[in-house]
Amino acid sequence: MIDEIKQFARTGEFRLTRHAAEEIAEENISLSELLESIMSGEIIEDYPAHRRGHCCLVNGTTNEGRPLHSVCTIGRPRLLIITVYEPMLPKWITPTQRRELL
């Protein structure tokens, strides 16, 4: 699935949800940073029963080393990016390790 995600990102065949566009603006993430993180990314969580179809959480870094997460689905004719954010406390200890909830 990651190869398909990267191919859609590489060819520009993707769409951002309104939520993803809002998160990009709020977190000051450029479109190029998003694409860099997807191209360097790996799937760290899989959500086969997501309401938008089979989705996954991609963890990647920008060329400057900024970690970014994106939730994506390819259940449509192109890549749909549902949300994008920089993983940090309180939810994330590291970009790949969730904080345990009590």
N, C-alpha and C. Protein backbone atom coordinates (compact mmCIF):
# COMPACT_ATOMS: atom_id res chain seq x y z
N MET A 1 0.82 -1.20 0.00
CA MET A 1 0.00 0.00 0.00
C MET A 1 0.87 1.27 0.00
N ILE A 2 2.02 1.24 0.68
CA ILE A 2 2.87 2.44 0.74
C ILE A 2 3.39 2.79 -0.65
N ASP A 3 3.66 1.78 -1.47
CA ASP A 3 4.14 2.07 -2.83
C ASP A 3 3.08 2.80 -3.65
N GLU A 4 1.82 2.40 -3.49
CA GLU A 4 0.73 3.08 -4.20
C GLU A 4 0.55 4.51 -3.69
N ILE A 5 0.64 4.69 -2.38
CA ILE A 5 0.53 6.03 -1.80
C ILE A 5 1.62 6.93 -2.36
N LYS A 6 2.84 6.44 -2.39
CA LYS A 6 3.97 7.23 -2.90
C LYS A 6 3.80 7.53 -4.39
N GLN A 7 3.28 6.58 -5.15
CA GLN A 7 3.07 6.81 -6.58
C GLN A 7 2.05 7.92 -6.81
N PHE A 8 0.94 7.88 -6.08
CA PHE A 8 -0.07 8.94 -6.20
C PHE A 8 0.52 10.30 -5.80
N ALA A 9 1.30 10.32 -4.73
CA ALA A 9 1.92 11.58 -4.29
C ALA A 9 2.89 12.08 -5.35
N ARG A 10 3.69 11.18 -5.90
CA ARG A 10 4.70 11.53 -6.91
C ARG A 10 4.07 12.13 -8.15
N THR A 11 2.92 11.60 -8.56
CA THR A 11 2.27 12.05 -9.80
C THR A 11 1.25 13.16 -9.57
N GLY A 12 1.07 13.57 -8.32
CA GLY A 12 0.14 14.65 -8.02
C GLY A 12 -1.32 14.22 -8.01
N GLU A 13 -1.55 12.92 -7.97
CA GLU A 13 -2.92 12.40 -7.97
C GLU A 13 -3.40 12.23 -6.53
N PHE A 14 -3.65 13.36 -5.87
CA PHE A 14 -4.12 13.31 -4.50
C PHE A 14 -5.04 14.49 -4.24
N ARG A 15 -5.79 14.35 -3.18
CA ARG A 15 -6.69 15.40 -2.74
C ARG A 15 -6.61 15.48 -1.22
N LEU A 16 -6.71 16.69 -0.71
CA LEU A 16 -6.74 16.91 0.73
C LEU A 16 -8.19 17.09 1.18
N THR A 17 -8.55 16.48 2.31
CA THR A 17 -9.84 16.79 2.89
C THR A 17 -9.78 18.20 3.46
N ARG A 18 -10.93 18.76 3.77
CA ARG A 18 -10.98 20.08 4.41
C ARG A 18 -10.20 20.03 5.73
N HIS A 19 -10.37 18.94 6.47
CA HIS A 19 -9.66 18.80 7.75
C HIS A 19 -8.15 18.82 7.54
N ALA A 20 -7.66 18.10 6.55
CA ALA A 20 -6.22 18.08 6.28
C ALA A 20 -5.73 19.48 5.90
N ALA A 21 -6.48 20.19 5.08
CA ALA A 21 -6.10 21.55 4.69
C ALA A 21 -6.05 22.47 5.91
N GLU A 22 -7.01 22.32 6.82
CA GLU A 22 -7.01 23.13 8.04
C GLU A 22 -5.82 22.81 8.92
N GLU A 23 -5.50 21.52 9.07
CA GLU A 23 -4.35 21.12 9.88
C GLU A 23 -3.04 21.64 9.30
N ILE A 24 -2.90 21.59 7.99
CA ILE A 24 -1.70 22.09 7.33
C ILE A 24 -1.52 23.57 7.64
N ALA A 25 -2.61 24.32 7.56
CA ALA A 25 -2.53 25.76 7.84
C ALA A 25 -2.22 26.01 9.31
N GLU A 26 -2.90 25.31 10.21
CA GLU A 26 -2.70 25.51 11.65
C GLU A 26 -1.30 25.14 12.10
N GLU A 27 -0.74 24.08 11.52
CA GLU A 27 0.58 23.60 11.95
C GLU A 27 1.71 24.13 11.06
N ASN A 28 1.37 25.04 10.14
CA ASN A 28 2.37 25.67 9.29
C ASN A 28 3.20 24.63 8.53
N ILE A 29 2.49 23.71 7.89
CA ILE A 29 3.10 22.66 7.08
C ILE A 29 2.90 23.02 5.61
N SER A 30 3.96 23.05 4.85
CA SER A 30 3.83 23.34 3.42
C SER A 30 3.46 22.07 2.66
N LEU A 31 2.89 22.25 1.49
CA LEU A 31 2.55 21.11 0.66
C LEU A 31 3.80 20.32 0.30
N SER A 32 4.90 21.00 0.05
CA SER A 32 6.14 20.29 -0.28
C SER A 32 6.62 19.46 0.92
N GLU A 33 6.46 19.98 2.15
CA GLU A 33 6.84 19.20 3.33
C GLU A 33 5.97 17.95 3.46
N LEU A 34 4.67 18.11 3.21
CA LEU A 34 3.77 16.96 3.26
C LEU A 34 4.22 15.89 2.27
N LEU A 35 4.48 16.29 1.04
CA LEU A 35 4.89 15.33 0.02
C LEU A 35 6.24 14.70 0.33
N GLU A 36 7.17 15.48 0.86
CA GLU A 36 8.47 14.93 1.27
C GLU A 36 8.28 13.85 2.34
N SER A 37 7.39 14.12 3.30
CA SER A 37 7.18 13.15 4.38
C SER A 37 6.53 11.87 3.86
N ILE A 38 5.61 12.00 2.91
CA ILE A 38 5.00 10.81 2.33
C ILE A 38 6.04 10.01 1.55
N MET A 39 6.86 10.68 0.77
CA MET A 39 7.86 9.98 -0.04
C MET A 39 8.91 9.26 0.81
N SER A 40 9.17 9.76 2.02
CA SER A 40 10.13 9.10 2.90
C SER A 40 9.43 8.18 3.90
N GLY A 41 8.10 8.09 3.79
CA GLY A 41 7.31 7.48 4.84
C GLY A 41 7.21 5.98 4.82
N GLU A 42 6.69 5.51 5.97
CA GLU A 42 6.36 4.11 6.14
C GLU A 42 5.03 4.04 6.90
N ILE A 43 4.30 2.99 6.67
CA ILE A 43 3.03 2.80 7.36
C ILE A 43 3.32 2.29 8.77
N ILE A 44 2.76 3.01 9.77
CA ILE A 44 2.97 2.57 11.15
C ILE A 44 1.67 2.10 11.81
N GLU A 45 0.53 2.41 11.23
CA GLU A 45 -0.75 1.91 11.72
C GLU A 45 -1.67 1.70 10.53
N ASP A 46 -2.52 0.69 10.65
CA ASP A 46 -3.44 0.33 9.58
C ASP A 46 -4.86 0.39 10.13
N TYR A 47 -5.78 1.00 9.38
CA TYR A 47 -7.17 1.15 9.80
C TYR A 47 -8.09 0.58 8.72
N PRO A 48 -8.22 -0.74 8.65
CA PRO A 48 -9.02 -1.34 7.58
C PRO A 48 -10.52 -1.04 7.67
N ALA A 49 -11.02 -0.71 8.86
CA ALA A 49 -12.46 -0.48 9.03
C ALA A 49 -12.80 1.00 9.16
N HIS A 50 -11.95 1.88 8.69
CA HIS A 50 -12.20 3.32 8.77
C HIS A 50 -13.44 3.68 7.95
N ARG A 51 -14.18 4.70 8.38
CA ARG A 51 -15.42 5.07 7.69
C ARG A 51 -15.19 5.55 6.25
N ARG A 52 -13.99 5.99 5.94
CA ARG A 52 -13.68 6.43 4.57
C ARG A 52 -13.09 5.30 3.73
N GLY A 53 -13.04 4.12 4.27
CA GLY A 53 -12.41 3.00 3.58
C GLY A 53 -11.08 2.69 4.22
N HIS A 54 -10.41 1.69 3.70
CA HIS A 54 -9.14 1.24 4.26
C HIS A 54 -8.14 2.40 4.27
N CYS A 55 -7.69 2.79 5.47
CA CYS A 55 -6.76 3.90 5.65
C CYS A 55 -5.52 3.42 6.39
N CYS A 56 -4.51 4.27 6.39
CA CYS A 56 -3.32 3.96 7.16
C CYS A 56 -2.67 5.27 7.63
N LEU A 57 -1.84 5.12 8.66
CA LEU A 57 -1.08 6.24 9.19
C LEU A 57 0.34 6.14 8.66
N VAL A 58 0.76 7.17 7.94
CA VAL A 58 2.10 7.21 7.35
C VAL A 58 2.96 8.12 8.21
N ASN A 59 4.11 7.61 8.62
CA ASN A 59 5.10 8.39 9.36
C ASN A 59 6.27 8.65 8.43
N GLY A 60 6.62 9.93 8.25
CA GLY A 60 7.76 10.28 7.41
C GLY A 60 8.40 11.55 7.91
N THR A 61 9.47 11.95 7.27
CA THR A 61 10.16 13.19 7.63
C THR A 61 10.36 14.04 6.40
N THR A 62 10.40 15.34 6.64
CA THR A 62 10.69 16.27 5.55
C THR A 62 12.18 16.23 5.26
N ASN A 63 12.60 16.88 4.20
CA ASN A 63 14.03 16.95 3.88
C ASN A 63 14.82 17.65 4.98
N GLU A 64 14.15 18.47 5.78
CA GLU A 64 14.79 19.16 6.90
C GLU A 64 14.73 18.36 8.20
N GLY A 65 14.14 17.17 8.15
CA GLY A 65 14.09 16.30 9.31
C GLY A 65 12.87 16.48 10.21
N ARG A 66 11.88 17.25 9.76
CA ARG A 66 10.65 17.44 10.55
C ARG A 66 9.76 16.21 10.41
N PRO A 67 9.40 15.57 11.54
CA PRO A 67 8.53 14.41 11.44
C PRO A 67 7.08 14.84 11.18
N LEU A 68 6.42 14.12 10.30
CA LEU A 68 5.01 14.38 10.01
C LEU A 68 4.26 13.07 9.90
N HIS A 69 3.02 13.09 10.34
CA HIS A 69 2.10 11.97 10.16
C HIS A 69 1.03 12.40 9.18
N SER A 70 0.59 11.46 8.36
CA SER A 70 -0.56 11.70 7.50
C SER A 70 -1.41 10.44 7.48
N VAL A 71 -2.71 10.64 7.58
CA VAL A 71 -3.65 9.54 7.46
C VAL A 71 -4.18 9.58 6.03
N CYS A 72 -4.03 8.46 5.32
CA CYS A 72 -4.33 8.41 3.89
C CYS A 72 -5.20 7.20 3.56
N THR A 73 -5.92 7.31 2.46
CA THR A 73 -6.63 6.18 1.89
C THR A 73 -6.46 6.20 0.38
N ILE A 74 -6.41 5.02 -0.19
CA ILE A 74 -6.36 4.92 -1.66
C ILE A 74 -7.57 4.16 -2.16
N GLY A 75 -8.64 4.17 -1.38
CA GLY A 75 -9.85 3.48 -1.75
C GLY A 75 -10.65 4.22 -2.82
N ARG A 76 -10.12 5.25 -3.37
CA ARG A 76 -10.76 6.04 -4.42
C ARG A 76 -9.82 6.06 -5.63
N PRO A 77 -10.19 6.71 -6.72
CA PRO A 77 -9.28 6.70 -7.87
C PRO A 77 -7.97 7.43 -7.64
N ARG A 78 -7.83 8.09 -6.52
CA ARG A 78 -6.58 8.78 -6.20
C ARG A 78 -6.36 8.73 -4.70
N LEU A 79 -5.25 9.25 -4.27
CA LEU A 79 -4.91 9.31 -2.85
C LEU A 79 -5.73 10.40 -2.17
N LEU A 80 -6.33 10.06 -1.05
CA LEU A 80 -7.05 11.04 -0.25
C LEU A 80 -6.28 11.18 1.06
N ILE A 81 -5.85 12.41 1.35
CA ILE A 81 -5.13 12.69 2.59
C ILE A 81 -6.14 13.26 3.56
N ILE A 82 -6.40 12.52 4.62
CA ILE A 82 -7.47 12.84 5.56
C ILE A 82 -7.02 13.83 6.62
N THR A 83 -5.82 13.65 7.13
CA THR A 83 -5.27 14.59 8.10
C THR A 83 -3.75 14.56 8.05
N VAL A 84 -3.15 15.62 8.53
CA VAL A 84 -1.69 15.76 8.58
C VAL A 84 -1.35 16.49 9.86
N TYR A 85 -0.32 16.03 10.55
CA TYR A 85 0.09 16.72 11.78
C TYR A 85 1.51 16.32 12.15
N GLU A 86 2.09 17.11 13.04
CA GLU A 86 3.41 16.79 13.58
C GLU A 86 3.19 16.00 14.87
N PRO A 87 3.71 14.76 14.95
CA PRO A 87 3.48 13.95 16.14
C PRO A 87 4.25 14.51 17.34
N MET A 88 3.53 14.74 18.44
CA MET A 88 4.17 15.28 19.64
C MET A 88 3.34 14.94 20.86
N LEU A 89 3.92 15.21 22.01
CA LEU A 89 3.21 15.02 23.26
C LEU A 89 1.97 15.89 23.27
N PRO A 90 0.88 15.48 23.86
CA PRO A 90 0.74 14.37 24.77
C PRO A 90 0.44 13.03 24.10
N LYS A 91 0.10 12.99 22.81
CA LYS A 91 -0.26 11.72 22.18
C LYS A 91 0.94 10.85 21.80
N TRP A 92 2.03 11.46 21.38
CA TRP A 92 3.18 10.72 20.86
C TRP A 92 4.43 11.01 21.68
N ILE A 93 5.14 9.94 22.08
CA ILE A 93 6.42 10.07 22.77
C ILE A 93 7.52 10.31 21.73
N THR A 94 7.47 9.53 20.67
CA THR A 94 8.34 9.69 19.50
C THR A 94 7.42 9.61 18.28
N PRO A 95 7.93 9.88 17.09
CA PRO A 95 7.06 9.78 15.91
C PRO A 95 6.45 8.40 15.68
N THR A 96 7.00 7.36 16.29
CA THR A 96 6.46 6.02 16.09
C THR A 96 5.93 5.37 17.37
N GLN A 97 6.01 6.05 18.49
CA GLN A 97 5.57 5.47 19.76
C GLN A 97 4.50 6.33 20.41
N ARG A 98 3.29 5.75 20.51
CA ARG A 98 2.18 6.44 21.18
C ARG A 98 2.39 6.42 22.67
N ARG A 99 1.91 7.45 23.32
CA ARG A 99 1.92 7.51 24.77
C ARG A 99 0.79 6.63 25.28
N GLU A 100 1.07 5.85 26.30
CA GLU A 100 0.04 5.00 26.89
C GLU A 100 -0.92 5.85 27.69
N LEU A 101 -2.20 5.59 27.48
CA LEU A 101 -3.23 6.30 28.23
C LEU A 101 -3.56 5.53 29.50
N LEU A 102 -3.79 6.24 30.56
CA LEU A 102 -4.10 5.59 31.83
C LEU A 102 -5.56 5.24 31.93
